[in-house]
Amino acid sequence: MKKVLIIGNFHQLGQKVYDKLSNQYEVNLLDGIDFEDVSAYADNLEGVNVIYTFLGPLDVDLQIGAVIQALDRVNPPLEQFIMLSTAGIDNELTEEVTYPDVDNNKEYLNQQRYAVKLVDEYEIPYTILRPVEIVDEQSGELDVIDEGISMQYGRVSSDNVANTAVKVVEYQQFINQSIGLIER
């Protein structure tokens, strides 16, 4: 049985993914810790095959850096890494955006880009989820936008983000891809 570690619960995404995966995998949701403290991960990484990170919005670079350092120390049998980031990190948005709870867009996007770079350079299969503004209610059909394709800024429900995150592991979709998520 695969062992899954979910780190963070931004927009309740960690809990939603936990609820969807816990019937078929051994799943642990790690929340309420200092996400920048490398030692906070040590006991939870033993035997982990899949990591999800739902961190943010700020200091994701420092938090992912701590996860990577902990992975290097524990060296679990990691097979997949799924990371929540944001639309805009690839300059794919067609309009200027004000991100919720973010005062400095440039710094925020640089933090996100650096975190993605750390995951990419770890050289295991990964998926980067780049949603637009995450909201509680679904407003339309989910559209998955490939990396490098322009997209508008809009909204996507936390349920659609969670469902997509689950598909990555259940159906091995979107491996080694960075995908934009928006509802139309």
N, C-alpha and C. Protein backbone atom coordinates (compact mmCIF):
# COMPACT_ATOMS: atom_id res chain seq x y z
N MET A 1 0.85 -1.17 0.00
CA MET A 1 0.00 0.00 0.00
C MET A 1 0.89 1.24 0.00
N LYS A 2 0.57 2.19 -0.89
CA LYS A 2 1.32 3.43 -0.94
C LYS A 2 1.08 4.26 0.31
N LYS A 3 2.14 4.92 0.72
CA LYS A 3 2.06 5.82 1.86
C LYS A 3 2.14 7.25 1.34
N VAL A 4 1.14 8.05 1.70
CA VAL A 4 1.00 9.42 1.20
C VAL A 4 1.12 10.39 2.37
N LEU A 5 1.93 11.43 2.17
CA LEU A 5 2.04 12.50 3.16
C LEU A 5 1.52 13.78 2.52
N ILE A 6 0.54 14.38 3.17
CA ILE A 6 -0.01 15.66 2.73
C ILE A 6 0.50 16.72 3.71
N ILE A 7 1.17 17.73 3.16
CA ILE A 7 1.76 18.78 3.98
C ILE A 7 1.00 20.08 3.72
N GLY A 8 0.36 20.58 4.75
CA GLY A 8 -0.40 21.82 4.64
C GLY A 8 -1.85 21.59 4.28
N ASN A 9 -2.64 22.61 4.53
CA ASN A 9 -4.08 22.49 4.32
C ASN A 9 -4.65 23.78 3.74
N PHE A 10 -3.88 24.46 2.90
CA PHE A 10 -4.31 25.71 2.28
C PHE A 10 -5.65 25.51 1.58
N HIS A 11 -6.63 26.34 1.89
CA HIS A 11 -8.00 26.26 1.34
C HIS A 11 -8.66 24.90 1.62
N GLN A 12 -8.27 24.26 2.70
CA GLN A 12 -8.80 22.94 3.07
C GLN A 12 -8.49 21.87 2.02
N LEU A 13 -7.52 22.13 1.15
CA LEU A 13 -7.17 21.16 0.10
C LEU A 13 -6.56 19.90 0.69
N GLY A 14 -5.73 20.05 1.71
CA GLY A 14 -5.13 18.87 2.34
C GLY A 14 -6.18 17.93 2.88
N GLN A 15 -7.18 18.47 3.56
CA GLN A 15 -8.25 17.65 4.13
C GLN A 15 -9.08 16.99 3.03
N LYS A 16 -9.35 17.72 1.96
CA LYS A 16 -10.16 17.17 0.87
C LYS A 16 -9.44 16.02 0.18
N VAL A 17 -8.15 16.18 -0.05
CA VAL A 17 -7.37 15.11 -0.67
C VAL A 17 -7.25 13.93 0.30
N TYR A 18 -7.04 14.22 1.57
CA TYR A 18 -7.00 13.17 2.59
C TYR A 18 -8.29 12.34 2.55
N ASP A 19 -9.43 13.00 2.55
CA ASP A 19 -10.72 12.30 2.54
C ASP A 19 -10.88 11.42 1.31
N LYS A 20 -10.37 11.86 0.17
CA LYS A 20 -10.52 11.11 -1.07
C LYS A 20 -9.55 9.93 -1.19
N LEU A 21 -8.39 10.03 -0.56
CA LEU A 21 -7.37 8.99 -0.71
C LEU A 21 -7.30 8.00 0.45
N SER A 22 -7.84 8.35 1.61
CA SER A 22 -7.59 7.54 2.80
C SER A 22 -8.23 6.15 2.77
N ASN A 23 -9.16 5.90 1.88
CA ASN A 23 -9.74 4.56 1.77
C ASN A 23 -8.84 3.58 1.05
N GLN A 24 -7.92 4.09 0.24
CA GLN A 24 -7.09 3.18 -0.55
C GLN A 24 -5.59 3.29 -0.30
N TYR A 25 -5.17 4.31 0.44
CA TYR A 25 -3.76 4.51 0.75
C TYR A 25 -3.60 4.80 2.24
N GLU A 26 -2.40 4.63 2.73
CA GLU A 26 -2.07 5.07 4.08
C GLU A 26 -1.72 6.55 3.98
N VAL A 27 -2.57 7.40 4.53
CA VAL A 27 -2.44 8.85 4.34
C VAL A 27 -2.27 9.55 5.69
N ASN A 28 -1.34 10.51 5.71
CA ASN A 28 -1.13 11.34 6.88
C ASN A 28 -1.19 12.80 6.45
N LEU A 29 -1.97 13.60 7.16
CA LEU A 29 -2.07 15.03 6.91
C LEU A 29 -1.27 15.76 7.97
N LEU A 30 -0.26 16.48 7.55
CA LEU A 30 0.62 17.20 8.45
C LEU A 30 0.28 18.69 8.36
N ASP A 31 -0.30 19.22 9.44
CA ASP A 31 -0.71 20.62 9.47
C ASP A 31 -0.46 21.16 10.87
N GLY A 32 -0.44 22.46 10.99
CA GLY A 32 -0.27 23.07 12.30
C GLY A 32 1.14 22.99 12.84
N ILE A 33 2.12 22.87 11.96
CA ILE A 33 3.53 22.84 12.37
C ILE A 33 4.23 24.06 11.79
N ASP A 34 5.47 24.26 12.16
CA ASP A 34 6.31 25.27 11.53
C ASP A 34 6.83 24.64 10.24
N PHE A 35 6.25 25.02 9.10
CA PHE A 35 6.57 24.40 7.82
C PHE A 35 7.98 24.73 7.33
N GLU A 36 8.67 25.63 8.00
CA GLU A 36 10.05 25.95 7.64
C GLU A 36 11.06 25.19 8.50
N ASP A 37 10.59 24.39 9.44
CA ASP A 37 11.44 23.64 10.36
C ASP A 37 11.70 22.24 9.80
N VAL A 38 12.91 22.02 9.34
CA VAL A 38 13.29 20.75 8.73
C VAL A 38 12.99 19.57 9.66
N SER A 39 13.27 19.73 10.94
CA SER A 39 13.09 18.63 11.90
C SER A 39 11.62 18.26 12.10
N ALA A 40 10.70 19.15 11.74
CA ALA A 40 9.27 18.85 11.90
C ALA A 40 8.79 17.76 10.96
N TYR A 41 9.57 17.46 9.92
CA TYR A 41 9.16 16.48 8.92
C TYR A 41 9.73 15.08 9.16
N ALA A 42 10.82 14.99 9.90
CA ALA A 42 11.60 13.76 9.99
C ALA A 42 10.77 12.51 10.29
N ASP A 43 9.99 12.52 11.34
CA ASP A 43 9.22 11.33 11.73
C ASP A 43 8.12 10.99 10.75
N ASN A 44 7.67 11.97 9.99
CA ASN A 44 6.54 11.77 9.08
C ASN A 44 6.94 11.31 7.69
N LEU A 45 8.21 11.35 7.35
CA LEU A 45 8.66 11.00 6.01
C LEU A 45 9.04 9.53 5.84
N GLU A 46 9.21 8.84 6.93
CA GLU A 46 9.63 7.44 6.87
C GLU A 46 8.66 6.62 6.01
N GLY A 47 9.18 6.01 4.95
CA GLY A 47 8.39 5.13 4.11
C GLY A 47 7.43 5.82 3.15
N VAL A 48 7.48 7.13 3.05
CA VAL A 48 6.53 7.88 2.21
C VAL A 48 6.85 7.68 0.72
N ASN A 49 5.79 7.40 -0.05
CA ASN A 49 5.89 7.23 -1.51
C ASN A 49 5.44 8.46 -2.28
N VAL A 50 4.47 9.18 -1.72
CA VAL A 50 3.88 10.33 -2.41
C VAL A 50 3.78 11.50 -1.43
N ILE A 51 4.18 12.69 -1.91
CA ILE A 51 4.02 13.90 -1.11
C ILE A 51 3.15 14.88 -1.87
N TYR A 52 2.19 15.43 -1.15
CA TYR A 52 1.41 16.57 -1.62
C TYR A 52 1.78 17.75 -0.74
N THR A 53 1.97 18.93 -1.34
CA THR A 53 2.14 20.14 -0.54
C THR A 53 1.06 21.14 -0.91
N PHE A 54 0.32 21.56 0.10
CA PHE A 54 -0.70 22.59 -0.03
C PHE A 54 -0.33 23.71 0.93
N LEU A 55 0.72 24.42 0.58
CA LEU A 55 1.28 25.46 1.43
C LEU A 55 1.01 26.83 0.81
N GLY A 56 1.19 27.86 1.62
CA GLY A 56 1.09 29.20 1.05
C GLY A 56 0.09 30.07 1.76
N PRO A 57 -0.10 31.25 1.22
CA PRO A 57 0.46 31.67 -0.05
C PRO A 57 1.92 32.14 0.02
N LEU A 58 2.36 32.67 1.16
CA LEU A 58 3.71 33.24 1.23
C LEU A 58 4.72 32.27 1.82
N ASP A 59 5.98 32.53 1.50
CA ASP A 59 7.13 31.77 2.00
C ASP A 59 7.15 30.31 1.57
N VAL A 60 6.50 30.01 0.47
CA VAL A 60 6.50 28.63 -0.04
C VAL A 60 7.92 28.19 -0.39
N ASP A 61 8.75 29.10 -0.83
CA ASP A 61 10.13 28.75 -1.16
C ASP A 61 10.87 28.22 0.06
N LEU A 62 10.69 28.87 1.20
CA LEU A 62 11.34 28.42 2.43
C LEU A 62 10.74 27.10 2.92
N GLN A 63 9.45 26.96 2.78
CA GLN A 63 8.76 25.75 3.24
C GLN A 63 9.14 24.54 2.38
N ILE A 64 9.14 24.70 1.08
CA ILE A 64 9.54 23.60 0.19
C ILE A 64 11.02 23.29 0.38
N GLY A 65 11.82 24.31 0.62
CA GLY A 65 13.23 24.08 0.91
C GLY A 65 13.42 23.20 2.14
N ALA A 66 12.61 23.43 3.15
CA ALA A 66 12.69 22.60 4.37
C ALA A 66 12.25 21.16 4.07
N VAL A 67 11.21 21.00 3.26
CA VAL A 67 10.76 19.65 2.89
C VAL A 67 11.87 18.92 2.14
N ILE A 68 12.50 19.59 1.20
CA ILE A 68 13.58 18.97 0.41
C ILE A 68 14.75 18.58 1.31
N GLN A 69 15.13 19.46 2.24
CA GLN A 69 16.21 19.12 3.17
C GLN A 69 15.85 17.89 4.01
N ALA A 70 14.61 17.83 4.46
CA ALA A 70 14.17 16.68 5.25
C ALA A 70 14.18 15.41 4.40
N LEU A 71 13.76 15.51 3.14
CA LEU A 71 13.81 14.35 2.25
C LEU A 71 15.23 13.84 2.10
N ASP A 72 16.18 14.76 1.95
CA ASP A 72 17.58 14.36 1.83
C ASP A 72 18.08 13.64 3.08
N ARG A 73 17.57 14.03 4.25
CA ARG A 73 17.99 13.39 5.50
C ARG A 73 17.36 12.01 5.68
N VAL A 74 16.08 11.89 5.36
CA VAL A 74 15.35 10.64 5.61
C VAL A 74 15.47 9.67 4.45
N ASN A 75 15.51 10.20 3.23
CA ASN A 75 15.60 9.40 2.01
C ASN A 75 14.50 8.34 1.91
N PRO A 76 13.24 8.75 1.93
CA PRO A 76 12.14 7.79 1.81
C PRO A 76 12.04 7.26 0.37
N PRO A 77 11.27 6.21 0.14
CA PRO A 77 11.11 5.67 -1.22
C PRO A 77 10.12 6.51 -2.04
N LEU A 78 10.42 7.77 -2.18
CA LEU A 78 9.52 8.73 -2.82
C LEU A 78 9.38 8.45 -4.31
N GLU A 79 8.13 8.40 -4.78
CA GLU A 79 7.83 8.14 -6.19
C GLU A 79 7.19 9.33 -6.88
N GLN A 80 6.53 10.22 -6.12
CA GLN A 80 5.80 11.33 -6.71
C GLN A 80 5.75 12.51 -5.76
N PHE A 81 5.74 13.71 -6.37
CA PHE A 81 5.63 14.94 -5.60
C PHE A 81 4.60 15.82 -6.31
N ILE A 82 3.55 16.20 -5.61
CA ILE A 82 2.51 17.06 -6.15
C ILE A 82 2.52 18.34 -5.34
N MET A 83 2.66 19.48 -6.03
CA MET A 83 2.81 20.76 -5.35
C MET A 83 1.75 21.75 -5.83
N LEU A 84 1.12 22.42 -4.88
CA LEU A 84 0.23 23.52 -5.19
C LEU A 84 1.07 24.78 -5.37
N SER A 85 0.91 25.44 -6.51
CA SER A 85 1.55 26.73 -6.75
C SER A 85 0.44 27.71 -7.12
N THR A 86 0.64 28.51 -8.14
CA THR A 86 -0.36 29.50 -8.54
C THR A 86 -0.24 29.82 -10.02
N ALA A 87 -1.35 30.19 -10.62
CA ALA A 87 -1.31 30.70 -11.98
C ALA A 87 -0.51 32.00 -11.99
N GLY A 88 0.29 32.17 -13.00
CA GLY A 88 1.11 33.38 -13.12
C GLY A 88 2.59 33.12 -13.03
N ILE A 89 3.00 31.97 -12.51
CA ILE A 89 4.43 31.71 -12.34
C ILE A 89 5.14 31.54 -13.67
N ASP A 90 4.40 31.20 -14.72
CA ASP A 90 5.00 31.02 -16.04
C ASP A 90 4.70 32.20 -16.97
N ASN A 91 4.28 33.33 -16.38
CA ASN A 91 3.89 34.50 -17.17
C ASN A 91 2.81 34.16 -18.19
N GLU A 92 1.94 33.24 -17.82
CA GLU A 92 0.90 32.77 -18.74
C GLU A 92 -0.40 33.56 -18.66
N LEU A 93 -0.53 34.40 -17.64
CA LEU A 93 -1.77 35.14 -17.47
C LEU A 93 -1.85 36.30 -18.45
N THR A 94 -3.04 36.53 -18.98
CA THR A 94 -3.24 37.55 -20.00
C THR A 94 -3.59 38.90 -19.41
N GLU A 95 -3.62 39.00 -18.09
CA GLU A 95 -4.00 40.25 -17.44
C GLU A 95 -3.23 40.42 -16.13
N GLU A 96 -3.19 41.62 -15.63
CA GLU A 96 -2.56 41.90 -14.33
C GLU A 96 -3.46 41.36 -13.22
N VAL A 97 -2.86 40.79 -12.20
CA VAL A 97 -3.62 40.11 -11.16
C VAL A 97 -3.28 40.67 -9.79
N THR A 98 -4.28 40.74 -8.93
CA THR A 98 -4.08 40.99 -7.52
C THR A 98 -4.39 39.68 -6.80
N TYR A 99 -3.36 39.06 -6.25
CA TYR A 99 -3.53 37.78 -5.57
C TYR A 99 -4.08 38.01 -4.16
N PRO A 100 -5.03 37.19 -3.74
CA PRO A 100 -5.57 37.33 -2.37
C PRO A 100 -4.47 37.14 -1.32
N ASP A 101 -4.47 38.00 -0.32
CA ASP A 101 -3.54 37.92 0.81
C ASP A 101 -2.08 38.11 0.43
N VAL A 102 -1.82 38.77 -0.71
CA VAL A 102 -0.46 39.01 -1.17
C VAL A 102 -0.28 40.50 -1.41
N ASP A 103 0.75 41.08 -0.76
CA ASP A 103 1.02 42.50 -0.91
C ASP A 103 1.99 42.82 -2.05
N ASN A 104 2.89 41.88 -2.34
CA ASN A 104 3.92 42.12 -3.34
C ASN A 104 3.89 40.97 -4.35
N ASN A 105 3.25 41.19 -5.50
CA ASN A 105 3.11 40.13 -6.51
C ASN A 105 4.46 39.61 -7.00
N LYS A 106 5.39 40.51 -7.24
CA LYS A 106 6.69 40.09 -7.78
C LYS A 106 7.40 39.14 -6.81
N GLU A 107 7.45 39.50 -5.55
CA GLU A 107 8.09 38.64 -4.54
C GLU A 107 7.36 37.31 -4.40
N TYR A 108 6.04 37.38 -4.37
CA TYR A 108 5.21 36.17 -4.25
C TYR A 108 5.48 35.21 -5.41
N LEU A 109 5.47 35.71 -6.63
CA LEU A 109 5.71 34.86 -7.79
C LEU A 109 7.13 34.31 -7.80
N ASN A 110 8.10 35.13 -7.37
CA ASN A 110 9.48 34.63 -7.28
C ASN A 110 9.60 33.51 -6.26
N GLN A 111 8.91 33.63 -5.12
CA GLN A 111 8.92 32.56 -4.12
C GLN A 111 8.32 31.28 -4.72
N GLN A 112 7.22 31.42 -5.41
CA GLN A 112 6.57 30.26 -6.03
C GLN A 112 7.48 29.62 -7.07
N ARG A 113 8.10 30.43 -7.91
CA ARG A 113 8.99 29.91 -8.96
C ARG A 113 10.17 29.15 -8.36
N TYR A 114 10.75 29.71 -7.30
CA TYR A 114 11.88 29.04 -6.68
C TYR A 114 11.46 27.71 -6.06
N ALA A 115 10.30 27.67 -5.43
CA ALA A 115 9.80 26.41 -4.85
C ALA A 115 9.59 25.37 -5.94
N VAL A 116 9.01 25.78 -7.06
CA VAL A 116 8.81 24.85 -8.18
C VAL A 116 10.15 24.35 -8.70
N LYS A 117 11.12 25.24 -8.78
CA LYS A 117 12.46 24.84 -9.24
C LYS A 117 13.06 23.78 -8.31
N LEU A 118 12.89 23.95 -7.00
CA LEU A 118 13.40 22.95 -6.05
C LEU A 118 12.76 21.59 -6.28
N VAL A 119 11.46 21.57 -6.50
CA VAL A 119 10.75 20.31 -6.75
C VAL A 119 11.22 19.69 -8.06
N ASP A 120 11.32 20.49 -9.10
CA ASP A 120 11.76 20.01 -10.41
C ASP A 120 13.17 19.42 -10.33
N GLU A 121 14.05 20.10 -9.62
CA GLU A 121 15.44 19.64 -9.53
C GLU A 121 15.62 18.43 -8.62
N TYR A 122 14.59 18.07 -7.87
CA TYR A 122 14.70 16.89 -7.01
C TYR A 122 14.69 15.59 -7.83
N GLU A 123 14.29 15.70 -9.08
CA GLU A 123 14.37 14.62 -10.06
C GLU A 123 13.56 13.39 -9.71
N ILE A 124 12.34 13.62 -9.26
CA ILE A 124 11.37 12.54 -9.15
C ILE A 124 10.14 13.00 -9.92
N PRO A 125 9.27 12.10 -10.33
CA PRO A 125 8.06 12.54 -11.03
C PRO A 125 7.27 13.53 -10.19
N TYR A 126 6.89 14.63 -10.80
CA TYR A 126 6.20 15.70 -10.08
C TYR A 126 5.02 16.19 -10.91
N THR A 127 4.14 16.91 -10.24
CA THR A 127 3.06 17.65 -10.88
C THR A 127 2.92 18.96 -10.13
N ILE A 128 2.88 20.05 -10.87
CA ILE A 128 2.68 21.37 -10.29
C ILE A 128 1.26 21.81 -10.66
N LEU A 129 0.47 22.11 -9.66
CA LEU A 129 -0.90 22.60 -9.86
C LEU A 129 -0.86 24.12 -9.79
N ARG A 130 -1.30 24.79 -10.87
CA ARG A 130 -1.28 26.25 -10.92
C ARG A 130 -2.71 26.78 -11.03
N PRO A 131 -3.46 26.76 -9.94
CA PRO A 131 -4.83 27.27 -10.00
C PRO A 131 -4.87 28.79 -10.03
N VAL A 132 -5.96 29.31 -10.57
CA VAL A 132 -6.26 30.73 -10.44
C VAL A 132 -6.80 30.91 -9.03
N GLU A 133 -7.57 31.93 -8.75
CA GLU A 133 -8.09 32.14 -7.39
C GLU A 133 -8.94 30.95 -6.96
N ILE A 134 -8.60 30.37 -5.83
CA ILE A 134 -9.34 29.22 -5.30
C ILE A 134 -10.51 29.73 -4.47
N VAL A 135 -11.70 29.21 -4.78
CA VAL A 135 -12.92 29.61 -4.09
C VAL A 135 -13.65 28.35 -3.59
N ASP A 136 -14.65 28.56 -2.75
CA ASP A 136 -15.39 27.43 -2.18
C ASP A 136 -16.39 26.81 -3.16
N GLU A 137 -17.06 27.64 -3.93
CA GLU A 137 -18.14 27.16 -4.80
C GLU A 137 -17.68 26.98 -6.23
N GLN A 138 -18.12 25.91 -6.85
CA GLN A 138 -17.83 25.67 -8.26
C GLN A 138 -18.66 26.61 -9.12
N SER A 139 -18.02 27.19 -10.16
CA SER A 139 -18.73 28.14 -11.00
C SER A 139 -18.81 27.72 -12.46
N GLY A 140 -18.26 26.57 -12.78
CA GLY A 140 -18.29 26.10 -14.17
C GLY A 140 -17.47 24.83 -14.32
N GLU A 141 -17.27 24.45 -15.56
CA GLU A 141 -16.48 23.26 -15.87
C GLU A 141 -15.00 23.55 -15.72
N LEU A 142 -14.27 22.57 -15.22
CA LEU A 142 -12.83 22.70 -15.05
C LEU A 142 -12.14 22.67 -16.40
N ASP A 143 -11.20 23.56 -16.58
CA ASP A 143 -10.36 23.58 -17.77
C ASP A 143 -8.92 23.44 -17.29
N VAL A 144 -8.20 22.46 -17.82
CA VAL A 144 -6.80 22.24 -17.49
C VAL A 144 -5.96 22.83 -18.62
N ILE A 145 -5.09 23.77 -18.25
CA ILE A 145 -4.28 24.51 -19.22
C ILE A 145 -2.84 24.03 -19.13
N ASP A 146 -2.30 23.57 -20.25
CA ASP A 146 -0.92 23.12 -20.28
C ASP A 146 0.06 24.28 -20.07
N GLU A 147 1.22 23.94 -19.58
CA GLU A 147 2.28 24.93 -19.38
C GLU A 147 2.62 25.59 -20.71
N GLY A 148 2.84 26.89 -20.67
CA GLY A 148 3.20 27.62 -21.86
C GLY A 148 2.02 28.18 -22.65
N ILE A 149 0.81 27.80 -22.27
CA ILE A 149 -0.40 28.29 -22.93
C ILE A 149 -0.96 29.45 -22.12
N SER A 150 -1.29 30.54 -22.80
CA SER A 150 -1.86 31.70 -22.11
C SER A 150 -3.20 31.35 -21.51
N MET A 151 -3.50 31.99 -20.38
CA MET A 151 -4.79 31.78 -19.74
C MET A 151 -5.23 33.06 -19.04
N GLN A 152 -6.53 33.19 -18.89
CA GLN A 152 -7.08 34.31 -18.17
C GLN A 152 -7.05 33.99 -16.68
N TYR A 153 -7.20 35.05 -15.88
CA TYR A 153 -7.32 34.85 -14.45
C TYR A 153 -8.80 34.76 -14.13
N GLY A 154 -9.15 33.87 -13.26
CA GLY A 154 -10.55 33.67 -12.88
C GLY A 154 -10.61 32.93 -11.56
N ARG A 155 -11.52 31.99 -11.51
CA ARG A 155 -11.72 31.22 -10.28
C ARG A 155 -11.76 29.73 -10.57
N VAL A 156 -11.43 28.98 -9.52
CA VAL A 156 -11.55 27.52 -9.56
C VAL A 156 -11.93 27.07 -8.16
N SER A 157 -12.80 26.10 -8.08
CA SER A 157 -13.24 25.63 -6.76
C SER A 157 -12.18 24.74 -6.13
N SER A 158 -12.16 24.77 -4.81
CA SER A 158 -11.23 23.91 -4.08
C SER A 158 -11.53 22.44 -4.36
N ASP A 159 -12.79 22.10 -4.61
CA ASP A 159 -13.13 20.71 -4.95
C ASP A 159 -12.48 20.28 -6.26
N ASN A 160 -12.50 21.15 -7.26
CA ASN A 160 -11.87 20.80 -8.54
C ASN A 160 -10.36 20.70 -8.42
N VAL A 161 -9.75 21.55 -7.61
CA VAL A 161 -8.30 21.46 -7.39
C VAL A 161 -7.98 20.14 -6.68
N ALA A 162 -8.75 19.80 -5.65
CA ALA A 162 -8.53 18.55 -4.91
C ALA A 162 -8.75 17.33 -5.81
N ASN A 163 -9.80 17.34 -6.60
CA ASN A 163 -10.08 16.22 -7.50
C ASN A 163 -8.95 16.02 -8.50
N THR A 164 -8.41 17.11 -9.02
CA THR A 164 -7.29 17.02 -9.95
C THR A 164 -6.06 16.48 -9.25
N ALA A 165 -5.80 16.93 -8.04
CA ALA A 165 -4.66 16.44 -7.27
C ALA A 165 -4.76 14.94 -7.02
N VAL A 166 -5.95 14.46 -6.76
CA VAL A 166 -6.16 13.03 -6.53
C VAL A 166 -5.91 12.24 -7.81
N LYS A 167 -6.38 12.74 -8.95
CA LYS A 167 -6.19 12.05 -10.23
C LYS A 167 -4.73 11.85 -10.56
N VAL A 168 -3.89 12.76 -10.11
CA VAL A 168 -2.45 12.64 -10.38
C VAL A 168 -1.94 11.31 -9.86
N VAL A 169 -2.34 10.93 -8.66
CA VAL A 169 -1.87 9.69 -8.06
C VAL A 169 -2.70 8.49 -8.52
N GLU A 170 -4.02 8.62 -8.49
CA GLU A 170 -4.89 7.49 -8.83
C GLU A 170 -4.72 7.03 -10.28
N TYR A 171 -4.61 7.97 -11.21
CA TYR A 171 -4.59 7.63 -12.63
C TYR A 171 -3.28 8.00 -13.31
N GLN A 172 -2.30 8.44 -12.53
CA GLN A 172 -1.00 8.84 -13.07
C GLN A 172 -1.14 9.87 -14.19
N GLN A 173 -2.02 10.85 -13.97
CA GLN A 173 -2.22 11.93 -14.93
C GLN A 173 -1.29 13.10 -14.61
N PHE A 174 -0.94 13.83 -15.64
CA PHE A 174 -0.19 15.10 -15.51
C PHE A 174 1.19 14.92 -14.89
N ILE A 175 1.83 13.79 -15.15
CA ILE A 175 3.16 13.52 -14.59
C ILE A 175 4.19 14.39 -15.30
N ASN A 176 5.07 14.99 -14.50
CA ASN A 176 6.12 15.91 -14.97
C ASN A 176 5.53 17.07 -15.77
N GLN A 177 4.39 17.57 -15.28
CA GLN A 177 3.73 18.70 -15.92
C GLN A 177 3.39 19.76 -14.89
N SER A 178 3.28 20.97 -15.39
CA SER A 178 2.79 22.10 -14.62
C SER A 178 1.50 22.51 -15.30
N ILE A 179 0.37 22.37 -14.59
CA ILE A 179 -0.93 22.60 -15.23
C ILE A 179 -1.70 23.74 -14.57
N GLY A 180 -2.27 24.59 -15.41
CA GLY A 180 -3.15 25.66 -14.92
C GLY A 180 -4.55 25.10 -14.72
N LEU A 181 -5.22 25.59 -13.70
CA LEU A 181 -6.59 25.13 -13.39
C LEU A 181 -7.51 26.34 -13.29
N ILE A 182 -8.59 26.31 -14.08
CA ILE A 182 -9.57 27.40 -14.08
C ILE A 182 -10.94 26.81 -14.44
N GLU A 183 -11.98 27.42 -13.95
CA GLU A 183 -13.33 27.01 -14.33
C GLU A 183 -13.87 28.01 -15.34
N ARG A 184 -14.51 27.50 -16.35
CA ARG A 184 -15.08 28.34 -17.41
C ARG A 184 -16.58 28.31 -17.34
